[in-house]
């Protein structure tokens, strides 16, 4: 099972940390999409293009799949 954390540093210096240490990928998908989206998502994909033009993709599965990170289409 992947280890996953999701945090957001706040402007007042606090850290928003909505998940506990035993969080699963499914917990992250539920946090982002809610639990009433129908049909349910198979995953959440976060894509970022860096200043150097690299495309970084983070695939977070909803259930049973493997988390995956790709840079310019290649798994790392």
N, C-alpha and C. Protein backbone atom coordinates (compact mmCIF):
# COMPACT_ATOMS: atom_id res chain seq x y z
N UNK A 1 0.85 -1.18 0.00
CA UNK A 1 0.00 0.00 0.00
C UNK A 1 0.89 1.24 0.00
N UNK A 2 0.62 2.20 -0.89
CA UNK A 2 1.43 3.41 -0.95
C UNK A 2 1.26 4.24 0.32
N UNK A 3 2.30 4.94 0.70
CA UNK A 3 2.22 5.91 1.79
C UNK A 3 1.94 7.25 1.13
N UNK A 4 0.87 7.92 1.58
CA UNK A 4 0.48 9.16 0.92
C UNK A 4 0.13 10.20 1.97
N UNK A 5 0.60 11.41 1.75
CA UNK A 5 0.22 12.54 2.58
C UNK A 5 -0.21 13.67 1.67
N UNK A 6 -1.07 14.51 2.19
CA UNK A 6 -1.54 15.67 1.45
C UNK A 6 -1.61 16.80 2.47
N UNK A 7 -0.81 17.83 2.26
CA UNK A 7 -0.79 18.95 3.19
C UNK A 7 -0.79 20.26 2.42
N UNK A 8 -1.13 21.32 3.12
CA UNK A 8 -1.08 22.65 2.53
C UNK A 8 -0.58 23.63 3.58
N UNK A 9 0.59 24.24 3.36
CA UNK A 9 1.06 25.28 4.27
C UNK A 9 0.14 26.50 4.14
N UNK A 10 -0.31 27.03 5.26
CA UNK A 10 -1.22 28.18 5.27
C UNK A 10 -0.45 29.47 5.48
N UNK A 11 -1.03 30.58 5.04
CA UNK A 11 -0.34 31.87 5.12
C UNK A 11 -0.01 32.29 6.55
N UNK A 12 -0.74 31.74 7.53
CA UNK A 12 -0.48 32.09 8.92
C UNK A 12 0.58 31.20 9.57
N UNK A 13 1.19 30.31 8.78
CA UNK A 13 2.24 29.44 9.28
C UNK A 13 1.75 28.06 9.71
N UNK A 14 0.43 27.87 9.82
CA UNK A 14 -0.11 26.57 10.17
C UNK A 14 0.00 25.63 8.97
N UNK A 15 -0.26 24.36 9.23
CA UNK A 15 -0.24 23.34 8.18
C UNK A 15 -1.57 22.61 8.18
N UNK A 16 -2.28 22.65 7.05
CA UNK A 16 -3.52 21.90 6.91
C UNK A 16 -3.12 20.48 6.56
N UNK A 17 -3.53 19.53 7.39
CA UNK A 17 -3.17 18.12 7.22
C UNK A 17 -4.42 17.28 7.47
N UNK A 18 -5.27 17.12 6.43
CA UNK A 18 -6.58 16.51 6.63
C UNK A 18 -6.58 14.98 6.75
N UNK A 19 -5.46 14.33 6.51
CA UNK A 19 -5.42 12.87 6.52
C UNK A 19 -4.57 12.37 7.68
N UNK A 20 -4.91 11.19 8.20
CA UNK A 20 -4.08 10.62 9.25
C UNK A 20 -2.95 9.79 8.65
N UNK A 21 -2.09 9.28 9.49
CA UNK A 21 -0.90 8.55 9.03
C UNK A 21 -1.24 7.27 8.29
N UNK A 22 -2.42 6.72 8.51
CA UNK A 22 -2.81 5.48 7.85
C UNK A 22 -3.69 5.73 6.62
N UNK A 23 -3.64 6.93 6.07
CA UNK A 23 -4.49 7.28 4.93
C UNK A 23 -4.15 6.42 3.71
N UNK A 24 -5.19 6.10 2.96
CA UNK A 24 -5.02 5.33 1.73
C UNK A 24 -5.23 6.25 0.52
N UNK A 25 -4.91 5.72 -0.64
CA UNK A 25 -5.19 6.47 -1.87
C UNK A 25 -6.68 6.76 -1.99
N UNK A 26 -7.51 5.80 -1.59
CA UNK A 26 -8.96 6.01 -1.62
C UNK A 26 -9.37 7.21 -0.77
N UNK A 27 -8.71 7.41 0.37
CA UNK A 27 -9.00 8.55 1.24
C UNK A 27 -8.70 9.86 0.52
N UNK A 28 -7.61 9.91 -0.24
CA UNK A 28 -7.25 11.12 -0.98
C UNK A 28 -8.27 11.39 -2.08
N UNK A 29 -8.67 10.35 -2.82
CA UNK A 29 -9.67 10.51 -3.87
C UNK A 29 -10.98 11.02 -3.26
N UNK A 30 -11.39 10.47 -2.12
CA UNK A 30 -12.62 10.90 -1.46
C UNK A 30 -12.51 12.35 -0.99
N UNK A 31 -11.35 12.75 -0.49
CA UNK A 31 -11.15 14.13 -0.05
C UNK A 31 -11.29 15.10 -1.22
N UNK A 32 -10.71 14.75 -2.37
CA UNK A 32 -10.73 15.63 -3.53
C UNK A 32 -12.09 15.61 -4.24
N UNK A 33 -12.66 14.42 -4.43
CA UNK A 33 -13.88 14.27 -5.24
C UNK A 33 -15.17 14.18 -4.42
N UNK A 34 -15.03 13.95 -3.12
CA UNK A 34 -16.22 13.69 -2.31
C UNK A 34 -16.63 12.25 -2.48
N UNK A 35 -17.64 11.84 -1.71
CA UNK A 35 -18.07 10.44 -1.79
C UNK A 35 -19.39 10.26 -2.52
N UNK A 36 -19.90 11.34 -3.12
CA UNK A 36 -21.18 11.23 -3.81
C UNK A 36 -21.08 11.43 -5.32
N UNK A 37 -19.88 11.46 -5.86
CA UNK A 37 -19.69 11.60 -7.32
C UNK A 37 -20.07 10.29 -7.98
N UNK A 38 -20.99 10.34 -8.95
CA UNK A 38 -21.44 9.13 -9.63
C UNK A 38 -21.35 9.32 -11.12
N UNK A 39 -20.81 8.36 -11.84
CA UNK A 39 -20.15 7.17 -11.32
C UNK A 39 -18.87 7.57 -10.58
N UNK A 40 -18.41 6.75 -9.66
CA UNK A 40 -17.22 7.11 -8.89
C UNK A 40 -15.97 7.14 -9.77
N UNK A 41 -15.01 7.98 -9.42
CA UNK A 41 -13.78 8.07 -10.21
C UNK A 41 -12.92 6.82 -10.04
N UNK A 42 -12.20 6.47 -11.08
CA UNK A 42 -11.24 5.36 -10.98
C UNK A 42 -9.95 5.84 -10.35
N UNK A 43 -9.66 7.14 -10.49
CA UNK A 43 -8.43 7.71 -9.93
C UNK A 43 -8.52 9.22 -9.99
N UNK A 44 -7.56 9.86 -9.35
CA UNK A 44 -7.35 11.30 -9.47
C UNK A 44 -5.97 11.46 -10.10
N UNK A 45 -5.87 12.33 -11.09
CA UNK A 45 -4.60 12.57 -11.76
C UNK A 45 -4.24 14.04 -11.57
N UNK A 46 -3.07 14.28 -11.01
CA UNK A 46 -2.58 15.64 -10.82
C UNK A 46 -1.43 15.83 -11.81
N UNK A 47 -1.55 16.86 -12.65
CA UNK A 47 -0.52 17.14 -13.66
C UNK A 47 0.08 18.52 -13.41
N UNK A 48 1.38 18.58 -13.50
CA UNK A 48 2.11 19.84 -13.34
C UNK A 48 3.15 19.93 -14.44
N UNK A 49 3.20 21.06 -15.12
CA UNK A 49 4.28 21.31 -16.07
C UNK A 49 5.26 22.25 -15.39
N UNK A 50 6.50 21.79 -15.26
CA UNK A 50 7.53 22.57 -14.59
C UNK A 50 7.98 23.73 -15.46
N UNK A 51 8.74 24.64 -14.86
CA UNK A 51 9.27 25.78 -15.63
C UNK A 51 10.17 25.32 -16.76
N UNK A 52 10.81 24.15 -16.59
CA UNK A 52 11.69 23.64 -17.65
C UNK A 52 10.92 22.86 -18.72
N UNK A 53 9.59 22.78 -18.57
CA UNK A 53 8.77 22.12 -19.58
C UNK A 53 8.50 20.64 -19.34
N UNK A 54 8.98 20.09 -18.24
CA UNK A 54 8.72 18.68 -17.92
C UNK A 54 7.28 18.53 -17.45
N UNK A 55 6.61 17.48 -17.93
CA UNK A 55 5.26 17.17 -17.48
C UNK A 55 5.34 16.10 -16.40
N UNK A 56 4.90 16.44 -15.21
CA UNK A 56 4.89 15.52 -14.08
C UNK A 56 3.44 15.14 -13.80
N UNK A 57 3.17 13.82 -13.78
CA UNK A 57 1.82 13.33 -13.52
C UNK A 57 1.85 12.40 -12.32
N UNK A 58 0.91 12.60 -11.39
CA UNK A 58 0.74 11.75 -10.24
C UNK A 58 -0.64 11.11 -10.34
N UNK A 59 -0.66 9.78 -10.44
CA UNK A 59 -1.90 9.02 -10.54
C UNK A 59 -2.20 8.42 -9.18
N UNK A 60 -3.36 8.75 -8.60
CA UNK A 60 -3.78 8.23 -7.31
C UNK A 60 -5.02 7.38 -7.55
N UNK A 61 -4.89 6.05 -7.39
CA UNK A 61 -6.03 5.16 -7.69
C UNK A 61 -7.10 5.24 -6.61
N UNK A 62 -8.34 5.00 -7.00
CA UNK A 62 -9.44 5.00 -6.04
C UNK A 62 -9.51 3.69 -5.28
N UNK A 63 -9.25 2.59 -5.94
CA UNK A 63 -9.26 1.31 -5.21
C UNK A 63 -8.47 0.28 -5.99
N UNK A 64 -7.66 -0.45 -5.27
CA UNK A 64 -6.98 -1.59 -5.84
C UNK A 64 -5.83 -1.34 -6.79
N UNK A 65 -5.73 -0.18 -7.36
CA UNK A 65 -4.65 0.07 -8.31
C UNK A 65 -3.38 0.52 -7.61
N UNK A 66 -2.37 0.76 -8.41
CA UNK A 66 -1.09 1.23 -7.88
C UNK A 66 -0.93 2.71 -8.17
N UNK A 67 -0.40 3.43 -7.19
CA UNK A 67 -0.07 4.82 -7.42
C UNK A 67 1.08 4.88 -8.42
N UNK A 68 1.09 5.92 -9.25
CA UNK A 68 2.11 6.00 -10.30
C UNK A 68 2.53 7.45 -10.48
N UNK A 69 3.82 7.66 -10.69
CA UNK A 69 4.36 8.97 -11.02
C UNK A 69 5.04 8.85 -12.37
N UNK A 70 4.74 9.79 -13.25
CA UNK A 70 5.40 9.81 -14.55
C UNK A 70 5.99 11.19 -14.79
N UNK A 71 7.16 11.20 -15.43
CA UNK A 71 7.76 12.44 -15.89
C UNK A 71 7.93 12.31 -17.39
N UNK A 72 7.29 13.20 -18.11
CA UNK A 72 7.28 13.15 -19.57
C UNK A 72 6.89 11.77 -20.09
N UNK A 73 5.87 11.17 -19.47
CA UNK A 73 5.33 9.90 -19.92
C UNK A 73 6.07 8.66 -19.47
N UNK A 74 7.16 8.82 -18.72
CA UNK A 74 7.93 7.68 -18.26
C UNK A 74 7.75 7.51 -16.76
N UNK A 75 7.39 6.29 -16.35
CA UNK A 75 7.21 5.99 -14.92
C UNK A 75 8.54 6.09 -14.19
N UNK A 76 8.47 6.64 -12.98
CA UNK A 76 9.67 6.72 -12.14
C UNK A 76 9.46 5.93 -10.87
